[in-house]
Amino acid sequence: MRCLLVQPVHEAGCRRLEEAGIETRLAAAPDMATVMGEIADCDAAITRDAGFSRAAMEAGGRLKAVVSHGAGFDTIDIAAASELGILVANTPGANAQSVAELAVGLALAAARWVPAADRAVRAGETGFREHRCFIELSGKTALIVGWGAIGRATARCLRLGFNMEIVAVAPRTPAELLDACGARKAESLADGLAMADLVSLHVPLRPETRHMMDAEAFRAMKSGAIFVNTARAGLVDEDALAEALDEGLVGAAALDVHAPGTILRGRDDVILTPHLGGSTESSLERTALAAADCVVEALGGRVPATALNADSLGDRGSGPEP
């Protein structure tokens, strides 16, 4: 058996697969044209943000499983996989602490304008601190949009580390469960935005969440609030964010995910990082092991607990016809 790694994963995951008798092969390039040329003799694939297309699945004559290295799966064509009898799974929670710590770090950096301050010092600029407004997080209100593993971990860090009041947008989570975590439920996104000094996004990208942060949402924010996105770029209308920053509706923003060639690149009031959220050594190891376990289970005829389309497969979960 063979597993194609669309993008590199931690060596611990490769060892786990090899111990199970599954050979690993790293794709020559993380694009679907390359994958289409290399997938034919592979039984499974692990992909990161490169995703996995219908065309690549159709080229996989032996393909039985595609696993997302991480929680996100919006770049994997799940409908095509279900049609072709290919199981899709993800690895939620494995990178939660790593992403949460980055979200908190970005919030602090934005609140104190750390990257801009660093650039000012290096450029010999004087008077930087006299021309900026800096805020403390301690005792303020944080809005956590999404109450999955990452959202919960971020809330815990902010509540315990900074004594922040936590409000959550979590439509499917009962209020009593939020109460048990020291959070209270927002009646709506707009309701939560209006009271928050810090807004942090932790929801998946779906049709209903695309551009959830649009001009109307930014107008609903508490003036001068900090905005952080470590989830998916498509959640944010970046033109609307730029306008909100210009108007002072948002005090500063920090984005670990953003559109290619984002219009926000030249702004001192925006911090940009290259999707670092789950990139700590510990997180990469945990996620690679979780992804490898999904492959081992799927190729062993079992359904991983994190399967995303098991109900759609029925008895067809054996891959496309050769």
C-alpha atoms as a PDB file:
ATOM      1  CA  MET A   1       0.000   0.000   0.000  1.00  0.00           C
ATOM      2  CA  ARG A   2       1.124   3.537  -0.700  1.00  0.00           C
ATOM      3  CA  CYS A   3       0.209   7.014   0.580  1.00  0.00           C
ATOM      4  CA  LEU A   4       0.932  10.164  -1.404  1.00  0.00           C
ATOM      5  CA  LEU A   5       1.950  13.161   0.697  1.00  0.00           C
ATOM      6  CA  VAL A   6       0.782  16.170  -1.273  1.00  0.00           C
ATOM      7  CA  GLN A   7       2.891  18.362   1.019  1.00  0.00           C
ATOM      8  CA  PRO A   8       5.551  17.434   3.590  1.00  0.00           C
ATOM      9  CA  VAL A   9       4.422  16.185   6.998  1.00  0.00           C
ATOM     10  CA  HIS A  10       6.329  15.524  10.210  1.00  0.00           C
ATOM     11  CA  GLU A  11       8.567  12.464  10.060  1.00  0.00           C
ATOM     12  CA  ALA A  12       6.649  10.900  12.975  1.00  0.00           C
ATOM     13  CA  GLY A  13       3.635  10.527  10.696  1.00  0.00           C
ATOM     14  CA  CYS A  14       5.754   8.916   7.986  1.00  0.00           C
ATOM     15  CA  ARG A  15       7.142   6.432  10.500  1.00  0.00           C
ATOM     16  CA  ARG A  16       3.639   5.590  11.715  1.00  0.00           C
ATOM     17  CA  LEU A  17       2.573   4.793   8.145  1.00  0.00           C
ATOM     18  CA  GLU A  18       5.681   2.769   7.365  1.00  0.00           C
ATOM     19  CA  GLU A  19       5.281   0.755  10.572  1.00  0.00           C
ATOM     20  CA  ALA A  20       1.815  -0.162   9.301  1.00  0.00           C
ATOM     21  CA  GLY A  21       3.260  -1.349   6.002  1.00  0.00           C
ATOM     22  CA  ILE A  22       2.246   1.757   4.057  1.00  0.00           C
ATOM     23  CA  GLU A  23       4.904   3.283   1.827  1.00  0.00           C
ATOM     24  CA  THR A  24       5.024   7.090   1.644  1.00  0.00           C
ATOM     25  CA  ARG A  25       5.781   9.209  -1.384  1.00  0.00           C
ATOM     26  CA  LEU A  26       6.139  12.992  -1.398  1.00  0.00           C
ATOM     27  CA  ALA A  27       4.617  14.699  -4.423  1.00  0.00           C
ATOM     28  CA  ALA A  28       7.144  16.488  -6.620  1.00  0.00           C
ATOM     29  CA  ALA A  29       5.077  19.675  -6.256  1.00  0.00           C
ATOM     30  CA  PRO A  30       1.954  20.525  -4.214  1.00  0.00           C
ATOM     31  CA  ASP A  31      -0.312  21.257  -7.174  1.00  0.00           C
ATOM     32  CA  MET A  32      -3.122  19.167  -8.572  1.00  0.00           C
ATOM     33  CA  ALA A  33      -1.524  18.765 -12.014  1.00  0.00           C
ATOM     34  CA  THR A  34       1.456  17.075 -10.372  1.00  0.00           C
ATOM     35  CA  VAL A  35      -0.753  15.048  -8.045  1.00  0.00           C
ATOM     36  CA  MET A  36      -2.795  13.789 -11.003  1.00  0.00           C
ATOM     37  CA  GLY A  37       0.379  12.365 -12.499  1.00  0.00           C
ATOM     38  CA  GLU A  38       1.493  10.651  -9.280  1.00  0.00           C
ATOM     39  CA  ILE A  39      -1.693   9.382  -7.622  1.00  0.00           C
ATOM     40  CA  ALA A  40      -2.567   6.434  -9.877  1.00  0.00           C
ATOM     41  CA  ASP A  41      -0.702   3.810  -7.829  1.00  0.00           C
ATOM     42  CA  CYS A  42      -1.519   5.273  -4.393  1.00  0.00           C
ATOM     43  CA  ASP A  43      -4.156   3.980  -1.988  1.00  0.00           C
ATOM     44  CA  ALA A  44      -4.393   7.137   0.127  1.00  0.00           C
ATOM     45  CA  ALA A  45      -3.301  10.757   0.233  1.00  0.00           C
ATOM     46  CA  ILE A  46      -2.575  13.291   2.962  1.00  0.00           C
ATOM     47  CA  THR A  47      -2.906  16.937   2.000  1.00  0.00           C
ATOM     48  CA  ARG A  48      -2.480  20.235   3.793  1.00  0.00           C
ATOM     49  CA  ASP A  49      -3.694  23.550   2.376  1.00  0.00           C
ATOM     50  CA  ALA A  50      -3.134  22.379  -1.216  1.00  0.00           C
ATOM     51  CA  GLY A  51      -6.416  20.498  -0.957  1.00  0.00           C
ATOM     52  CA  PHE A  52      -7.488  17.712  -3.309  1.00  0.00           C
ATOM     53  CA  SER A  53      -9.526  18.173  -6.483  1.00  0.00           C
ATOM     54  CA  ARG A  54     -12.058  16.024  -8.310  1.00  0.00           C
ATOM     55  CA  ALA A  55      -9.636  15.588 -11.200  1.00  0.00           C
ATOM     56  CA  ALA A  56      -6.938  14.305  -8.849  1.00  0.00           C
ATOM     57  CA  MET A  57      -9.415  11.867  -7.295  1.00  0.00           C
ATOM     58  CA  GLU A  58     -10.504  10.620 -10.699  1.00  0.00           C
ATOM     59  CA  ALA A  59      -6.854   9.981 -11.559  1.00  0.00           C
ATOM     60  CA  GLY A  60      -6.474   7.802  -8.469  1.00  0.00           C
ATOM     61  CA  GLY A  61      -7.412   4.361  -9.675  1.00  0.00           C
ATOM     62  CA  ARG A  62      -6.668   2.798  -6.265  1.00  0.00           C
ATOM     63  CA  LEU A  63      -7.496   5.786  -4.080  1.00  0.00           C
ATOM     64  CA  LYS A  64      -9.534   4.913  -0.988  1.00  0.00           C
ATOM     65  CA  ALA A  65      -8.918   7.831   1.378  1.00  0.00           C
ATOM     66  CA  VAL A  66      -7.927  11.498   1.410  1.00  0.00           C
ATOM     67  CA  VAL A  67      -6.970  12.943   4.789  1.00  0.00           C
ATOM     68  CA  SER A  68      -6.665  16.613   5.668  1.00  0.00           C
ATOM     69  CA  HIS A  69      -3.596  17.438   7.754  1.00  0.00           C
ATOM     70  CA  GLY A  70      -5.523  19.797  10.040  1.00  0.00           C
ATOM     71  CA  ALA A  71      -9.117  20.671  10.777  1.00  0.00           C
ATOM     72  CA  GLY A  72      -9.880  22.562   7.565  1.00  0.00           C
ATOM     73  CA  PHE A  73     -11.298  20.727   4.575  1.00  0.00           C
ATOM     74  CA  ASP A  74     -12.758  23.460   2.359  1.00  0.00           C
ATOM     75  CA  THR A  75     -10.121  22.798  -0.340  1.00  0.00           C
ATOM     76  CA  ILE A  76     -11.003  19.093  -0.619  1.00  0.00           C
ATOM     77  CA  ASP A  77     -13.827  18.226  -3.018  1.00  0.00           C
ATOM     78  CA  ILE A  78     -15.880  16.140  -0.602  1.00  0.00           C
ATOM     79  CA  ALA A  79     -18.833  15.872  -2.972  1.00  0.00           C
ATOM     80  CA  ALA A  80     -16.595  14.336  -5.626  1.00  0.00           C
ATOM     81  CA  ALA A  81     -15.020  12.012  -3.073  1.00  0.00           C
ATOM     82  CA  SER A  82     -18.429  10.761  -1.958  1.00  0.00           C
ATOM     83  CA  GLU A  83     -19.467  10.223  -5.565  1.00  0.00           C
ATOM     84  CA  LEU A  84     -16.282   8.263  -6.250  1.00  0.00           C
ATOM     85  CA  GLY A  85     -16.447   6.226  -3.047  1.00  0.00           C
ATOM     86  CA  ILE A  86     -13.398   7.855  -1.459  1.00  0.00           C
ATOM     87  CA  LEU A  87     -13.384   8.459   2.284  1.00  0.00           C
ATOM     88  CA  VAL A  88     -12.367  11.932   3.482  1.00  0.00           C
ATOM     89  CA  ALA A  89     -11.230  12.616   7.052  1.00  0.00           C
ATOM     90  CA  ASN A  90      -9.606  15.475   8.920  1.00  0.00           C
ATOM     91  CA  THR A  91      -7.618  15.905  12.136  1.00  0.00           C
ATOM     92  CA  PRO A  92      -9.466  18.446  14.302  1.00  0.00           C
ATOM     93  CA  GLY A  93      -7.930  19.433  17.608  1.00  0.00           C
ATOM     94  CA  ALA A  94      -4.397  18.269  16.876  1.00  0.00           C
ATOM     95  CA  ASN A  95      -3.182  21.807  16.226  1.00  0.00           C
ATOM     96  CA  ALA A  96      -5.593  23.614  18.560  1.00  0.00           C
ATOM     97  CA  GLN A  97      -3.131  24.782  21.212  1.00  0.00           C
ATOM     98  CA  SER A  98      -0.622  25.930  18.622  1.00  0.00           C
ATOM     99  CA  VAL A  99      -3.178  28.003  16.706  1.00  0.00           C
ATOM    100  CA  ALA A 100      -4.651  29.387  19.930  1.00  0.00           C
ATOM    101  CA  GLU A 101      -1.255  30.570  21.135  1.00  0.00           C
ATOM    102  CA  LEU A 102      -0.637  32.329  17.834  1.00  0.00           C
ATOM    103  CA  ALA A 103      -4.064  33.988  18.003  1.00  0.00           C
ATOM    104  CA  VAL A 104      -3.234  35.342  21.456  1.00  0.00           C
ATOM    105  CA  GLY A 105       0.231  36.423  20.320  1.00  0.00           C
ATOM    106  CA  LEU A 106      -1.213  38.247  17.332  1.00  0.00           C
ATOM    107  CA  ALA A 107      -3.778  39.951  19.550  1.00  0.00           C
ATOM    108  CA  LEU A 108      -1.028  41.221  21.840  1.00  0.00           C
ATOM    109  CA  ALA A 109       1.148  42.297  18.924  1.00  0.00           C
ATOM    110  CA  ALA A 110      -1.739  44.186  17.325  1.00  0.00           C
ATOM    111  CA  ALA A 111      -2.794  45.824  20.580  1.00  0.00           C
ATOM    112  CA  ARG A 112       0.759  47.140  21.103  1.00  0.00           C
ATOM    113  CA  TRP A 113       1.669  47.648  17.410  1.00  0.00           C
ATOM    114  CA  VAL A 114       4.747  45.465  17.902  1.00  0.00           C
ATOM    115  CA  PRO A 115       5.783  44.854  14.252  1.00  0.00           C
ATOM    116  CA  ALA A 116       5.350  48.532  13.344  1.00  0.00           C
ATOM    117  CA  ALA A 117       7.311  49.537  16.449  1.00  0.00           C
ATOM    118  CA  ASP A 118      10.116  47.169  15.467  1.00  0.00           C
ATOM    119  CA  ARG A 119      10.268  48.689  11.981  1.00  0.00           C
ATOM    120  CA  ALA A 120      10.302  52.191  13.450  1.00  0.00           C
ATOM    121  CA  VAL A 121      13.266  51.403  15.696  1.00  0.00           C
ATOM    122  CA  ARG A 122      15.218  49.814  12.847  1.00  0.00           C
ATOM    123  CA  ALA A 123      14.512  52.837  10.637  1.00  0.00           C
ATOM    124  CA  GLY A 124      15.686  55.251  13.329  1.00  0.00           C
ATOM    125  CA  GLU A 125      12.213  56.785  13.652  1.00  0.00           C
ATOM    126  CA  THR A 126      11.633  58.759  16.837  1.00  0.00           C
ATOM    127  CA  GLY A 127       8.366  59.534  18.553  1.00  0.00           C
ATOM    128  CA  PHE A 128       6.634  56.325  17.501  1.00  0.00           C
ATOM    129  CA  ARG A 129       4.912  55.795  20.826  1.00  0.00           C
ATOM    130  CA  GLU A 130       3.622  59.364  20.920  1.00  0.00           C
ATOM    131  CA  HIS A 131       1.643  58.858  17.719  1.00  0.00           C
ATOM    132  CA  ARG A 132      -0.075  55.545  18.399  1.00  0.00           C
ATOM    133  CA  CYS A 133      -2.822  54.345  20.708  1.00  0.00           C
ATOM    134  CA  PHE A 134      -1.924  51.175  22.628  1.00  0.00           C
ATOM    135  CA  ILE A 135      -4.364  49.079  24.636  1.00  0.00           C
ATOM    136  CA  GLU A 136      -4.238  46.424  27.340  1.00  0.00           C
ATOM    137  CA  LEU A 137      -6.150  43.179  26.984  1.00  0.00           C
ATOM    138  CA  SER A 138      -6.489  42.529  30.696  1.00  0.00           C
ATOM    139  CA  GLY A 139     -10.050  42.780  31.953  1.00  0.00           C
ATOM    140  CA  LYS A 140     -11.463  43.517  28.496  1.00  0.00           C
ATOM    141  CA  THR A 141     -14.042  41.516  26.511  1.00  0.00           C
ATOM    142  CA  ALA A 142     -13.058  38.983  23.843  1.00  0.00           C
ATOM    143  CA  LEU A 143     -15.468  37.638  21.241  1.00  0.00           C
ATOM    144  CA  ILE A 144     -14.639  34.101  20.121  1.00  0.00           C
ATOM    145  CA  VAL A 145     -16.413  33.357  16.843  1.00  0.00           C
ATOM    146  CA  GLY A 146     -16.646  29.563  16.718  1.00  0.00           C
ATOM    147  CA  TRP A 147     -16.438  27.157  19.651  1.00  0.00           C
ATOM    148  CA  GLY A 148     -14.434  24.262  18.255  1.00  0.00           C
ATOM    149  CA  ALA A 149     -11.175  23.032  19.757  1.00  0.00           C
ATOM    150  CA  ILE A 150      -9.222  26.106  18.629  1.00  0.00           C
ATOM    151  CA  GLY A 151     -11.862  28.577  19.750  1.00  0.00           C
ATOM    152  CA  ARG A 152     -12.078  26.924  23.160  1.00  0.00           C
ATOM    153  CA  ALA A 153      -8.293  26.877  23.567  1.00  0.00           C
ATOM    154  CA  THR A 154      -8.046  30.551  22.605  1.00  0.00           C
ATOM    155  CA  ALA A 155     -10.797  31.465  25.048  1.00  0.00           C
ATOM    156  CA  ARG A 156      -9.055  29.548  27.826  1.00  0.00           C
ATOM    157  CA  CYS A 157      -5.753  31.371  27.195  1.00  0.00           C
ATOM    158  CA  LEU A 158      -7.434  34.776  27.192  1.00  0.00           C
ATOM    159  CA  ARG A 159      -9.601  34.088  30.236  1.00  0.00           C
ATOM    160  CA  LEU A 160      -6.913  32.557  32.430  1.00  0.00           C
ATOM    161  CA  GLY A 161      -3.980  34.592  31.152  1.00  0.00           C
ATOM    162  CA  PHE A 162      -5.588  38.020  30.882  1.00  0.00           C
ATOM    163  CA  ASN A 163      -8.762  37.786  32.946  1.00  0.00           C
ATOM    164  CA  MET A 164     -10.766  38.641  29.843  1.00  0.00           C
ATOM    165  CA  GLU A 165     -14.520  38.239  29.747  1.00  0.00           C
ATOM    166  CA  ILE A 166     -15.327  35.674  27.063  1.00  0.00           C
ATOM    167  CA  VAL A 167     -18.336  35.967  24.778  1.00  0.00           C
ATOM    168  CA  ALA A 168     -18.857  33.314  22.108  1.00  0.00           C
ATOM    169  CA  VAL A 169     -20.720  33.084  18.828  1.00  0.00           C
ATOM    170  CA  ALA A 170     -21.593  29.389  18.930  1.00  0.00           C
ATOM    171  CA  PRO A 171     -25.084  28.705  17.559  1.00  0.00           C
ATOM    172  CA  ARG A 172     -24.952  24.946  18.088  1.00  0.00           C
ATOM    173  CA  THR A 173     -23.408  25.008  21.570  1.00  0.00           C
ATOM    174  CA  PRO A 174     -25.824  25.074  24.534  1.00  0.00           C
ATOM    175  CA  ALA A 175     -25.418  28.095  26.801  1.00  0.00           C
ATOM    176  CA  GLU A 176     -24.824  25.848  29.816  1.00  0.00           C
ATOM    177  CA  LEU A 177     -21.753  24.316  28.149  1.00  0.00           C
ATOM    178  CA  LEU A 178     -20.374  27.774  27.502  1.00  0.00           C
ATOM    179  CA  ASP A 179     -21.096  28.710  31.117  1.00  0.00           C
ATOM    180  CA  ALA A 180     -19.070  25.712  32.262  1.00  0.00           C
ATOM    181  CA  CYS A 181     -16.120  27.085  30.276  1.00  0.00           C
ATOM    182  CA  GLY A 182     -16.462  30.552  31.752  1.00  0.00           C
ATOM    183  CA  ALA A 183     -18.026  32.031  28.622  1.00  0.00           C
ATOM    184  CA  ARG A 184     -21.402  33.458  27.767  1.00  0.00           C
ATOM    185  CA  LYS A 185     -23.306  33.138  24.539  1.00  0.00           C
ATOM    186  CA  ALA A 186     -23.805  36.067  22.183  1.00  0.00           C
ATOM    187  CA  GLU A 187     -27.334  36.389  20.874  1.00  0.00           C
ATOM    188  CA  SER A 188     -25.931  37.033  17.398  1.00  0.00           C
ATOM    189  CA  LEU A 189     -22.683  37.931  15.657  1.00  0.00           C
ATOM    190  CA  ALA A 190     -23.672  41.602  15.623  1.00  0.00           C
ATOM    191  CA  ASP A 191     -24.499  41.463  19.338  1.00  0.00           C
ATOM    192  CA  GLY A 192     -21.089  40.008  20.140  1.00  0.00           C
ATOM    193  CA  LEU A 193     -19.199  42.410  17.883  1.00  0.00           C
ATOM    194  CA  ALA A 194     -20.788  45.413  19.565  1.00  0.00           C
ATOM    195  CA  MET A 195     -19.381  44.524  22.994  1.00  0.00           C
ATOM    196  CA  ALA A 196     -15.959  43.083  22.139  1.00  0.00           C
ATOM    197  CA  ASP A 197     -12.574  44.764  22.528  1.00  0.00           C
ATOM    198  CA  LEU A 198     -11.004  41.791  20.747  1.00  0.00           C
ATOM    199  CA  VAL A 199     -12.587  39.667  18.004  1.00  0.00           C
ATOM    200  CA  SER A 200     -10.995  36.332  17.065  1.00  0.00           C
ATOM    201  CA  LEU A 201     -12.319  34.089  14.267  1.00  0.00           C
ATOM    202  CA  HIS A 202     -12.330  30.293  14.646  1.00  0.00           C
ATOM    203  CA  VAL A 203     -14.952  28.958  12.224  1.00  0.00           C
ATOM    204  CA  PRO A 204     -14.577  26.814   9.088  1.00  0.00           C
ATOM    205  CA  LEU A 205     -15.040  28.309   5.641  1.00  0.00           C
ATOM    206  CA  ARG A 206     -18.399  27.278   4.245  1.00  0.00           C
ATOM    207  CA  PRO A 207     -20.807  28.998   1.853  1.00  0.00           C
ATOM    208  CA  GLU A 208     -22.680  30.487   4.797  1.00  0.00           C
ATOM    209  CA  THR A 209     -19.504  31.813   6.475  1.00  0.00           C
ATOM    210  CA  ARG A 210     -17.773  33.258   3.401  1.00  0.00           C
ATOM    211  CA  HIS A 211     -17.250  36.998   3.999  1.00  0.00           C
ATOM    212  CA  MET A 212     -19.114  36.770   7.298  1.00  0.00           C
ATOM    213  CA  MET A 213     -16.940  39.735   8.256  1.00  0.00           C
ATOM    214  CA  ASP A 214     -18.208  42.196   5.668  1.00  0.00           C
ATOM    215  CA  ALA A 215     -18.842  45.938   5.779  1.00  0.00           C
ATOM    216  CA  GLU A 216     -21.971  45.470   7.875  1.00  0.00           C
ATOM    217  CA  ALA A 217     -20.153  43.282  10.400  1.00  0.00           C
ATOM    218  CA  PHE A 218     -17.252  45.707  10.739  1.00  0.00           C
ATOM    219  CA  ARG A 219     -19.698  48.576  11.263  1.00  0.00           C
ATOM    220  CA  ALA A 220     -21.182  46.572  14.142  1.00  0.00           C
ATOM    221  CA  MET A 221     -17.813  46.330  15.923  1.00  0.00           C
ATOM    222  CA  LYS A 222     -16.945  48.323  18.993  1.00  0.00           C
ATOM    223  CA  SER A 223     -14.882  51.278  17.813  1.00  0.00           C
ATOM    224  CA  GLY A 224     -11.138  50.635  17.995  1.00  0.00           C
ATOM    225  CA  ALA A 225     -11.396  46.888  18.663  1.00  0.00           C
ATOM    226  CA  ILE A 226      -8.633  44.456  17.701  1.00  0.00           C
ATOM    227  CA  PHE A 227      -9.475  41.949  14.955  1.00  0.00           C
ATOM    228  CA  VAL A 228      -7.674  38.587  14.593  1.00  0.00           C
ATOM    229  CA  ASN A 229      -8.176  35.849  11.995  1.00  0.00           C
ATOM    230  CA  THR A 230      -6.276  32.566  12.248  1.00  0.00           C
ATOM    231  CA  ALA A 231      -9.006  30.505  10.565  1.00  0.00           C
ATOM    232  CA  ARG A 232      -9.652  30.998   6.833  1.00  0.00           C
ATOM    233  CA  ALA A 233      -9.016  34.000   4.582  1.00  0.00           C
ATOM    234  CA  GLY A 234     -12.399  33.691   2.895  1.00  0.00           C
ATOM    235  CA  LEU A 235     -14.198  34.594   6.123  1.00  0.00           C
ATOM    236  CA  VAL A 236     -13.138  38.213   5.686  1.00  0.00           C
ATOM    237  CA  ASP A 237     -13.968  40.790   3.028  1.00  0.00           C
ATOM    238  CA  GLU A 238     -10.561  42.465   2.970  1.00  0.00           C
ATOM    239  CA  ASP A 239     -11.832  45.554   1.141  1.00  0.00           C
ATOM    240  CA  ALA A 240     -14.347  46.040   3.943  1.00  0.00           C
ATOM    241  CA  LEU A 241     -11.634  45.502   6.563  1.00  0.00           C
ATOM    242  CA  ALA A 242      -9.422  48.129   4.934  1.00  0.00           C
ATOM    243  CA  GLU A 243     -12.305  50.598   4.962  1.00  0.00           C
ATOM    244  CA  ALA A 244     -13.078  49.791   8.607  1.00  0.00           C
ATOM    245  CA  LEU A 245      -9.448  50.438   9.548  1.00  0.00           C
ATOM    246  CA  ASP A 246      -9.469  53.730   7.654  1.00  0.00           C
ATOM    247  CA  GLU A 247     -12.598  54.807   9.518  1.00  0.00           C
ATOM    248  CA  GLY A 248     -11.309  53.717  12.932  1.00  0.00           C
ATOM    249  CA  LEU A 249     -14.005  51.074  13.336  1.00  0.00           C
ATOM    250  CA  VAL A 250     -11.165  48.569  13.778  1.00  0.00           C
ATOM    251  CA  GLY A 251      -8.145  49.686  15.776  1.00  0.00           C
ATOM    252  CA  ALA A 252      -5.718  47.127  14.338  1.00  0.00           C
ATOM    253  CA  ALA A 253      -5.887  43.713  12.700  1.00  0.00           C
ATOM    254  CA  ALA A 254      -3.735  40.596  12.621  1.00  0.00           C
ATOM    255  CA  LEU A 255      -4.250  37.942   9.959  1.00  0.00           C
ATOM    256  CA  ASP A 256      -2.536  34.575   9.740  1.00  0.00           C
ATOM    257  CA  VAL A 257      -4.653  33.859   6.654  1.00  0.00           C
ATOM    258  CA  HIS A 258      -5.294  36.334   3.860  1.00  0.00           C
ATOM    259  CA  ALA A 259      -5.933  36.608   0.137  1.00  0.00           C
ATOM    260  CA  PRO A 260      -2.951  36.150  -2.224  1.00  0.00           C
ATOM    261  CA  GLY A 261      -1.408  39.564  -2.801  1.00  0.00           C
ATOM    262  CA  THR A 262      -3.681  41.041  -0.152  1.00  0.00           C
ATOM    263  CA  ILE A 263      -4.445  44.749  -0.384  1.00  0.00           C
ATOM    264  CA  LEU A 264      -3.552  45.010   3.312  1.00  0.00           C
ATOM    265  CA  ARG A 265       0.185  44.447   2.794  1.00  0.00           C
ATOM    266  CA  GLY A 266       1.252  48.079   3.008  1.00  0.00           C
ATOM    267  CA  ARG A 267      -0.570  48.940   6.239  1.00  0.00           C
ATOM    268  CA  ASP A 268       1.133  49.489   9.590  1.00  0.00           C
ATOM    269  CA  ASP A 269      -2.149  48.736  11.365  1.00  0.00           C
ATOM    270  CA  VAL A 270      -2.288  45.198   9.963  1.00  0.00           C
ATOM    271  CA  ILE A 271      -0.036  42.286  10.936  1.00  0.00           C
ATOM    272  CA  LEU A 272       0.315  39.532   8.326  1.00  0.00           C
ATOM    273  CA  THR A 273       1.809  36.090   8.937  1.00  0.00           C
ATOM    274  CA  PRO A 274       2.089  33.197   6.428  1.00  0.00           C
ATOM    275  CA  HIS A 275      -0.395  30.727   7.947  1.00  0.00           C
ATOM    276  CA  LEU A 276       1.838  29.838  10.886  1.00  0.00           C
ATOM    277  CA  GLY A 277      -0.957  28.741  13.211  1.00  0.00           C
ATOM    278  CA  GLY A 278      -0.326  25.019  13.315  1.00  0.00           C
ATOM    279  CA  SER A 279       3.371  25.131  12.475  1.00  0.00           C
ATOM    280  CA  THR A 280       4.979  24.461  15.852  1.00  0.00           C
ATOM    281  CA  GLU A 281       7.027  21.291  16.132  1.00  0.00           C
ATOM    282  CA  SER A 282       4.627  19.759  18.651  1.00  0.00           C
ATOM    283  CA  SER A 283       1.575  20.597  16.580  1.00  0.00           C
ATOM    284  CA  LEU A 284       3.075  19.276  13.347  1.00  0.00           C
ATOM    285  CA  GLU A 285       3.952  16.005  15.060  1.00  0.00           C
ATOM    286  CA  ARG A 286       0.497  15.576  16.606  1.00  0.00           C
ATOM    287  CA  THR A 287      -1.259  16.417  13.357  1.00  0.00           C
ATOM    288  CA  ALA A 288       0.915  14.138  11.236  1.00  0.00           C
ATOM    289  CA  LEU A 289       0.325  11.245  13.631  1.00  0.00           C
ATOM    290  CA  ALA A 290      -3.420  11.871  13.617  1.00  0.00           C
ATOM    291  CA  ALA A 291      -3.474  11.993   9.809  1.00  0.00           C
ATOM    292  CA  ALA A 292      -1.411   8.812   9.588  1.00  0.00           C
ATOM    293  CA  ASP A 293      -3.768   7.040  11.986  1.00  0.00           C
ATOM    294  CA  CYS A 294      -6.706   8.011   9.756  1.00  0.00           C
ATOM    295  CA  VAL A 295      -4.953   6.497   6.745  1.00  0.00           C
ATOM    296  CA  VAL A 296      -4.108   3.303   8.625  1.00  0.00           C
ATOM    297  CA  GLU A 297      -7.704   2.934   9.780  1.00  0.00           C
ATOM    298  CA  ALA A 298      -9.186   3.651   6.365  1.00  0.00           C
ATOM    299  CA  LEU A 299      -6.889   1.257   4.521  1.00  0.00           C
ATOM    300  CA  GLY A 300      -7.567  -1.333   7.205  1.00  0.00           C
ATOM    301  CA  GLY A 301     -11.271  -1.221   6.397  1.00  0.00           C
ATOM    302  CA  ARG A 302     -12.264   0.878   9.403  1.00  0.00           C
ATOM    303  CA  VAL A 303     -13.932   4.279   9.465  1.00  0.00           C
ATOM    304  CA  PRO A 304     -11.892   6.956  11.283  1.00  0.00           C
ATOM    305  CA  ALA A 305     -13.768   8.815  14.003  1.00  0.00           C
ATOM    306  CA  THR A 306     -13.105  12.050  12.106  1.00  0.00           C
ATOM    307  CA  ALA A 307     -14.467  10.831   8.760  1.00  0.00           C
ATOM    308  CA  LEU A 308     -16.356  13.622   7.008  1.00  0.00           C
ATOM    309  CA  ASN A 309     -18.380  11.677   4.460  1.00  0.00           C
ATOM    310  CA  ALA A 310     -18.884   8.190   5.904  1.00  0.00           C
ATOM    311  CA  ASP A 311     -22.673   8.533   5.753  1.00  0.00           C
ATOM    312  CA  SER A 312     -22.505   9.392   2.061  1.00  0.00           C
ATOM    313  CA  LEU A 313     -20.374   6.398   1.152  1.00  0.00           C
ATOM    314  CA  GLY A 314     -22.504   3.521   2.381  1.00  0.00           C
ATOM    315  CA  ASP A 315     -21.061   0.392   0.836  1.00  0.00           C
ATOM    316  CA  ARG A 316     -19.179   2.338  -1.829  1.00  0.00           C
ATOM    317  CA  GLY A 317     -16.166   3.273   0.302  1.00  0.00           C
ATOM    318  CA  SER A 318     -13.648   1.245  -1.680  1.00  0.00           C
ATOM    319  CA  GLY A 319     -12.345   3.897  -4.054  1.00  0.00           C
ATOM    320  CA  PRO A 320     -13.112   4.548  -7.709  1.00  0.00           C
ATOM    321  CA  GLU A 321     -13.314   1.709 -10.177  1.00  0.00           C
ATOM    322  CA  PRO A 322      -9.962   0.922 -11.828  1.00  0.00           C
END
